[in-house]
């Protein structure tokens, strides 16, 4: 299973601060399964099968935007939600 690490409010929505294990052959498969297992995430990361704007996903530390990217058991997927803020 691929390991998922959620950040910021995504942890709260999933109700877990732990690493999650999700099965899938592609990034898309993993994200769809993540939404099935944690319904509160539905529509937050993907919207109509497309990565929502401003979410950042990395696979093993490398930025990932192609949902068809293959994933394997040992991969670590990190998902960062949009974060507002900055300098005043």
C-alpha atoms as a PDB file:
ATOM      1  CA  UNK A   1       0.000   0.000   0.000  1.00  0.00           C
ATOM      2  CA  UNK A   2       1.082   3.539  -0.723  1.00  0.00           C
ATOM      3  CA  UNK A   3       1.599   5.783   2.307  1.00  0.00           C
ATOM      4  CA  UNK A   4      -0.240   9.109   2.491  1.00  0.00           C
ATOM      5  CA  UNK A   5       0.705  12.034   4.707  1.00  0.00           C
ATOM      6  CA  UNK A   6      -1.882  14.780   5.038  1.00  0.00           C
ATOM      7  CA  UNK A   7      -1.116  18.301   6.196  1.00  0.00           C
ATOM      8  CA  UNK A   8      -3.027  21.157   7.860  1.00  0.00           C
ATOM      9  CA  UNK A   9      -6.830  20.983   7.700  1.00  0.00           C
ATOM     10  CA  UNK A  10      -6.743  17.779   5.629  1.00  0.00           C
ATOM     11  CA  UNK A  11      -5.666  15.931   8.791  1.00  0.00           C
ATOM     12  CA  UNK A  12      -8.658  17.318  10.630  1.00  0.00           C
ATOM     13  CA  UNK A  13     -11.058  16.364   7.849  1.00  0.00           C
ATOM     14  CA  UNK A  14      -9.687  12.818   7.755  1.00  0.00           C
ATOM     15  CA  UNK A  15      -9.782  12.648  11.548  1.00  0.00           C
ATOM     16  CA  UNK A  16      -6.243  11.310  11.648  1.00  0.00           C
ATOM     17  CA  UNK A  17      -2.788  12.716  12.240  1.00  0.00           C
ATOM     18  CA  UNK A  18      -1.281   9.331  11.395  1.00  0.00           C
ATOM     19  CA  UNK A  19       0.153   8.175   8.086  1.00  0.00           C
ATOM     20  CA  UNK A  20      -2.511   6.494   5.991  1.00  0.00           C
ATOM     21  CA  UNK A  21      -2.107   3.443   3.770  1.00  0.00           C
ATOM     22  CA  UNK A  22      -4.077   3.429   0.531  1.00  0.00           C
ATOM     23  CA  UNK A  23      -4.023   0.982  -2.383  1.00  0.00           C
ATOM     24  CA  UNK A  24      -3.930   2.152  -6.003  1.00  0.00           C
ATOM     25  CA  UNK A  25      -1.943   1.834  -9.207  1.00  0.00           C
ATOM     26  CA  UNK A  26      -1.943   5.557 -10.069  1.00  0.00           C
ATOM     27  CA  UNK A  27      -2.079   8.819  -8.163  1.00  0.00           C
ATOM     28  CA  UNK A  28      -5.701   9.181  -9.315  1.00  0.00           C
ATOM     29  CA  UNK A  29      -6.597   5.704  -7.986  1.00  0.00           C
ATOM     30  CA  UNK A  30      -5.030   6.499  -4.624  1.00  0.00           C
ATOM     31  CA  UNK A  31      -6.820   9.847  -4.304  1.00  0.00           C
ATOM     32  CA  UNK A  32     -10.181   8.336  -5.261  1.00  0.00           C
ATOM     33  CA  UNK A  33      -9.703   5.546  -2.711  1.00  0.00           C
ATOM     34  CA  UNK A  34      -8.646   8.132  -0.106  1.00  0.00           C
ATOM     35  CA  UNK A  35     -11.936   9.976  -0.665  1.00  0.00           C
ATOM     36  CA  UNK A  36     -13.889   6.704  -0.352  1.00  0.00           C
ATOM     37  CA  UNK A  37     -12.224   5.812   2.943  1.00  0.00           C
ATOM     38  CA  UNK A  38     -12.469   9.368   4.296  1.00  0.00           C
ATOM     39  CA  UNK A  39     -15.693  10.879   2.885  1.00  0.00           C
ATOM     40  CA  UNK A  40     -15.017  14.266   4.521  1.00  0.00           C
ATOM     41  CA  UNK A  41     -12.161  14.673   1.989  1.00  0.00           C
ATOM     42  CA  UNK A  42     -14.498  14.209  -0.993  1.00  0.00           C
ATOM     43  CA  UNK A  43     -14.346  17.298  -3.183  1.00  0.00           C
ATOM     44  CA  UNK A  44     -11.478  18.797  -1.188  1.00  0.00           C
ATOM     45  CA  UNK A  45      -8.524  17.309  -3.069  1.00  0.00           C
ATOM     46  CA  UNK A  46     -10.263  16.307  -6.303  1.00  0.00           C
ATOM     47  CA  UNK A  47     -13.201  18.016  -7.929  1.00  0.00           C
ATOM     48  CA  UNK A  48     -14.953  16.080 -10.698  1.00  0.00           C
ATOM     49  CA  UNK A  49     -11.860  13.899 -11.047  1.00  0.00           C
ATOM     50  CA  UNK A  50      -9.472  16.855 -11.413  1.00  0.00           C
ATOM     51  CA  UNK A  51      -6.945  18.072  -8.853  1.00  0.00           C
ATOM     52  CA  UNK A  52      -8.372  21.163  -7.169  1.00  0.00           C
ATOM     53  CA  UNK A  53      -6.459  24.354  -7.704  1.00  0.00           C
ATOM     54  CA  UNK A  54      -3.764  25.217  -5.148  1.00  0.00           C
ATOM     55  CA  UNK A  55      -3.502  21.714  -3.637  1.00  0.00           C
ATOM     56  CA  UNK A  56       0.096  20.542  -3.780  1.00  0.00           C
ATOM     57  CA  UNK A  57       0.962  16.868  -4.030  1.00  0.00           C
ATOM     58  CA  UNK A  58       4.377  15.288  -3.898  1.00  0.00           C
ATOM     59  CA  UNK A  59       5.425  11.703  -4.469  1.00  0.00           C
ATOM     60  CA  UNK A  60       8.652  10.832  -2.687  1.00  0.00           C
ATOM     61  CA  UNK A  61       9.463  14.547  -2.435  1.00  0.00           C
ATOM     62  CA  UNK A  62       8.859  15.314  -6.121  1.00  0.00           C
ATOM     63  CA  UNK A  63       6.019  17.617  -7.175  1.00  0.00           C
ATOM     64  CA  UNK A  64       3.243  15.647  -8.893  1.00  0.00           C
ATOM     65  CA  UNK A  65       0.508  17.101 -11.087  1.00  0.00           C
ATOM     66  CA  UNK A  66      -0.255  14.214 -13.459  1.00  0.00           C
ATOM     67  CA  UNK A  67      -2.966  12.083 -11.883  1.00  0.00           C
ATOM     68  CA  UNK A  68      -1.977   9.204 -14.166  1.00  0.00           C
ATOM     69  CA  UNK A  69       1.449   8.952 -12.489  1.00  0.00           C
ATOM     70  CA  UNK A  70       1.982   5.329 -11.465  1.00  0.00           C
ATOM     71  CA  UNK A  71       2.559   4.649  -7.782  1.00  0.00           C
ATOM     72  CA  UNK A  72       4.009   1.630  -6.016  1.00  0.00           C
ATOM     73  CA  UNK A  73       3.815   0.217  -2.512  1.00  0.00           C
ATOM     74  CA  UNK A  74       6.845   2.044  -1.157  1.00  0.00           C
ATOM     75  CA  UNK A  75       5.811   5.507  -2.388  1.00  0.00           C
ATOM     76  CA  UNK A  76       5.106   8.332   0.054  1.00  0.00           C
ATOM     77  CA  UNK A  77       2.468  10.793  -1.126  1.00  0.00           C
ATOM     78  CA  UNK A  78       2.237  14.105   0.721  1.00  0.00           C
ATOM     79  CA  UNK A  79      -0.814  16.308   0.216  1.00  0.00           C
ATOM     80  CA  UNK A  80      -0.749  19.991   1.137  1.00  0.00           C
ATOM     81  CA  UNK A  81      -3.985  22.027   1.010  1.00  0.00           C
ATOM     82  CA  UNK A  82      -4.123  25.661  -0.064  1.00  0.00           C
ATOM     83  CA  UNK A  83      -2.830  27.922   2.680  1.00  0.00           C
ATOM     84  CA  UNK A  84      -3.737  31.577   2.918  1.00  0.00           C
ATOM     85  CA  UNK A  85      -1.583  34.191   4.530  1.00  0.00           C
ATOM     86  CA  UNK A  86       1.607  36.024   3.935  1.00  0.00           C
ATOM     87  CA  UNK A  87       3.234  39.280   4.844  1.00  0.00           C
ATOM     88  CA  UNK A  88       1.137  42.229   5.985  1.00  0.00           C
END
